[in-house]
Protein backbone atom coordinates (compact mmCIF):
# COMPACT_ATOMS: atom_id res chain seq x y z
CA MET A 1 114.32 68.31 112.09
CA ALA A 2 117.00 65.76 113.36
CA ASP A 3 115.11 66.54 117.51
CA LEU A 4 111.58 65.96 115.97
CA GLY A 5 112.66 62.88 114.59
CA ARG A 6 114.66 61.95 117.89
CA ALA A 7 111.82 62.81 119.82
CA ALA A 8 109.35 60.47 118.11
CA LEU A 9 111.24 58.14 118.44
CA GLY A 10 111.62 58.79 122.28
CA SER A 11 107.54 59.43 122.57
CA VAL A 12 107.06 56.35 121.05
CA MET A 13 109.30 54.21 122.92
CA LEU A 14 107.93 55.84 126.28
CA GLY A 15 104.65 55.53 124.57
CA VAL A 16 105.85 51.18 124.93
CA PHE A 17 106.88 50.85 127.96
CA ALA A 18 103.88 53.33 129.43
CA GLY A 19 101.74 50.45 127.53
CA VAL A 20 103.75 48.10 129.16
CA GLY A 21 103.12 49.57 132.27
CA PHE A 22 99.42 49.84 132.32
CA GLY A 23 99.25 46.40 131.81
CA VAL A 24 101.43 45.07 134.39
CA SER A 25 99.26 47.87 137.17
CA PHE A 26 96.36 46.08 135.19
CA TYR A 27 96.92 42.87 136.08
CA HIS A 28 98.50 42.79 138.34
CA ASP A 29 94.66 44.22 139.97
CA GLY A 30 93.05 42.12 137.63
CA ARG A 31 91.45 44.48 135.71
CA LEU A 32 93.27 44.10 131.92
CA ALA A 33 90.66 41.73 131.05
CA LYS A 34 87.99 44.29 130.95
CA ASP A 35 90.02 48.02 130.44
CA TRP A 36 92.80 46.47 128.73
CA PRO A 37 91.51 50.30 126.26
CA THR A 38 92.15 52.30 129.10
CA ALA A 39 95.69 51.06 128.69
CA VAL A 40 96.03 51.26 124.89
CA VAL A 41 94.29 54.73 125.24
CA GLY A 42 97.01 55.80 128.00
CA ALA A 43 100.26 55.14 126.42
CA LEU A 44 99.07 56.41 123.42
CA VAL A 45 98.62 59.91 124.66
CA ILE A 46 102.07 59.31 126.61
CA GLY A 47 102.85 58.90 123.80
CA VAL A 48 101.81 61.57 121.17
CA ILE A 49 102.97 64.19 123.71
CA VAL A 50 106.97 63.98 123.25
CA PRO A 51 106.44 65.01 119.66
CA LEU A 52 103.88 67.87 120.33
CA VAL A 53 105.75 69.32 122.80
CA VAL A 54 109.14 69.47 120.77
CA LEU A 55 106.86 70.63 117.57
CA PRO A 56 106.99 73.75 117.86
CA SER A 57 110.12 74.33 119.11
CA CYS A 58 111.41 72.63 115.79
CA PHE A 59 110.00 74.97 113.39
CA PHE A 60 111.79 78.36 115.34
CA SER A 61 115.30 79.49 114.76
CA LEU A 62 118.31 81.68 115.85
CA ARG A 63 120.58 83.95 113.47
CA VAL A 64 123.58 85.75 114.23
CA ASP A 65 125.51 87.24 112.28
CA GLU A 66 127.77 90.60 112.15
CA GLN A 67 125.30 92.55 111.95
CA HIS A 68 121.76 91.45 113.55
CA ILE A 69 120.74 89.17 115.78
CA THR A 70 117.17 87.44 113.63
CA HIS A 71 114.50 86.09 115.10
CA LEU A 72 113.19 82.85 111.65
CA PHE A 73 110.15 80.73 111.36
CA CYS A 74 110.94 77.66 109.28
CA ARG A 75 114.39 79.26 108.31
CA GLN A 76 113.10 81.86 106.34
CA PHE A 77 110.39 83.76 107.62
CA VAL A 78 112.05 86.91 109.25
CA LEU A 79 109.70 87.25 112.53
CA LYS A 80 111.63 90.20 114.85
CA GLN A 81 115.31 91.21 113.71
CA ARG A 82 117.09 93.50 115.94
CA PRO A 83 121.01 95.32 115.22
CA LEU A 84 123.77 93.27 116.79
CA SER A 85 124.89 96.80 117.73
CA GLN A 86 121.83 97.35 120.59
CA LEU A 87 122.30 93.85 122.29
CA GLU A 88 122.39 95.19 125.95
CA SER A 89 121.29 91.77 127.68
CA VAL A 90 121.52 87.97 126.72
CA GLN A 91 119.37 86.34 129.92
CA VAL A 92 120.23 82.00 129.19
CA GLY A 93 117.82 79.50 131.36
CA ARG A 94 116.56 81.99 133.14
CA GLY A 95 112.79 81.67 133.44
CA LEU A 96 110.23 79.93 130.32
CA PHE A 97 112.64 80.30 126.96
CA ALA A 98 115.80 79.54 126.68
CA VAL A 99 117.54 82.26 125.73
CA VAL A 100 116.22 85.87 126.43
CA PHE A 101 117.48 88.42 124.01
CA GLY A 102 117.45 92.69 125.24
CA PHE A 103 118.37 95.26 123.12
CA SER A 104 118.52 99.57 123.49
CA ASP A 105 114.66 100.14 122.45
CA GLY A 106 113.29 97.89 124.23
CA SER A 107 112.60 95.33 122.26
CA HIS A 108 113.03 91.05 123.33
CA ILE A 109 113.55 88.86 121.49
CA ARG A 110 113.06 85.45 123.04
CA PHE A 111 113.61 81.61 122.03
CA TRP A 112 111.56 78.45 123.66
CA GLY A 113 114.57 76.47 123.31
CA ALA A 114 118.02 74.88 121.93
CA ARG A 115 120.69 72.30 122.56
CA VAL A 116 122.51 73.53 125.57
CA ARG A 117 125.75 73.25 122.57
CA VAL A 118 123.52 75.50 119.95
CA ILE A 119 123.18 78.01 122.80
CA ASP A 120 126.80 77.62 123.85
CA ALA A 121 128.45 78.10 120.30
CA MET A 122 125.75 81.34 120.19
CA CYS A 123 126.66 82.93 122.88
CA GLY A 124 130.31 82.71 121.76
CA GLN A 125 129.94 83.86 118.26
CA ILE A 126 128.71 87.21 120.27
CA ARG A 127 131.46 87.33 122.35
CA LYS A 128 132.85 87.32 119.17
CA LEU A 129 131.22 89.82 117.29
CA LEU A 130 131.36 92.64 120.73
CA PRO A 131 134.38 91.24 122.39
CA ASP A 132 132.85 93.59 125.28
CA PHE A 133 129.66 92.70 125.79
CA HIS A 134 129.29 91.30 129.14
CA ALA A 135 125.96 91.02 129.73
CA PHE A 136 125.16 87.48 130.12
CA THR A 137 122.84 86.47 133.03
CA PHE A 138 123.23 82.31 133.42
CA GLY A 139 119.79 80.62 135.44
CA ARG A 140 120.91 77.25 137.00
CA ARG A 141 120.41 75.45 134.04
CA TYR A 142 123.03 76.46 131.73
CA ALA A 143 125.79 76.59 134.73
CA LEU A 144 128.20 74.61 132.68
CA LEU A 145 127.98 77.97 129.86
CA ALA A 146 128.41 79.52 132.53
CA ARG A 147 131.58 77.89 132.71
CA SER A 148 132.45 78.31 129.94
CA MET A 149 131.89 82.03 128.73
CA HIS A 150 133.77 82.95 131.60
CA LYS A 151 136.74 81.30 130.40
CA LEU A 152 136.51 82.22 126.98
CA ASN A 153 136.18 86.02 128.80
CA SER A 154 139.65 85.43 130.49
CA LYS A 155 140.94 84.47 127.93
CA GLN A 156 140.44 87.41 125.96
CA ASN A 157 140.91 89.81 128.32
């Protein structure tokens, strides 16, 4: 929920900057007097978009423990739970989802978004719990995580 607060603050600032931008643009075009409602609505729409994009990701979370990887809704309701021992692959930042866990039974847990340090901690937790697991795949956005996982692998070997 802290992410939602930051997103709301960021969207308010973005909305203010958009309003100023619309106002300056309309003033230079000589349309400010008659089109000011368009500038106000545009700024409000831009200020609302960011929280609406971040809000869904605030309701979902992942938990990795000694036995399971669990996908949760509102940190209480289990959406999907799979045994950690059946984990076959972890794809980070490849495609639409931030993390995709693949399991030996063919099922997947797809997680929409998280901070980079949360994903890093989760990958580190998996490496500690499954020392022989090396099936991490990182997209370009997460190259830094790939380097930290490589360092962790070389320390343990």
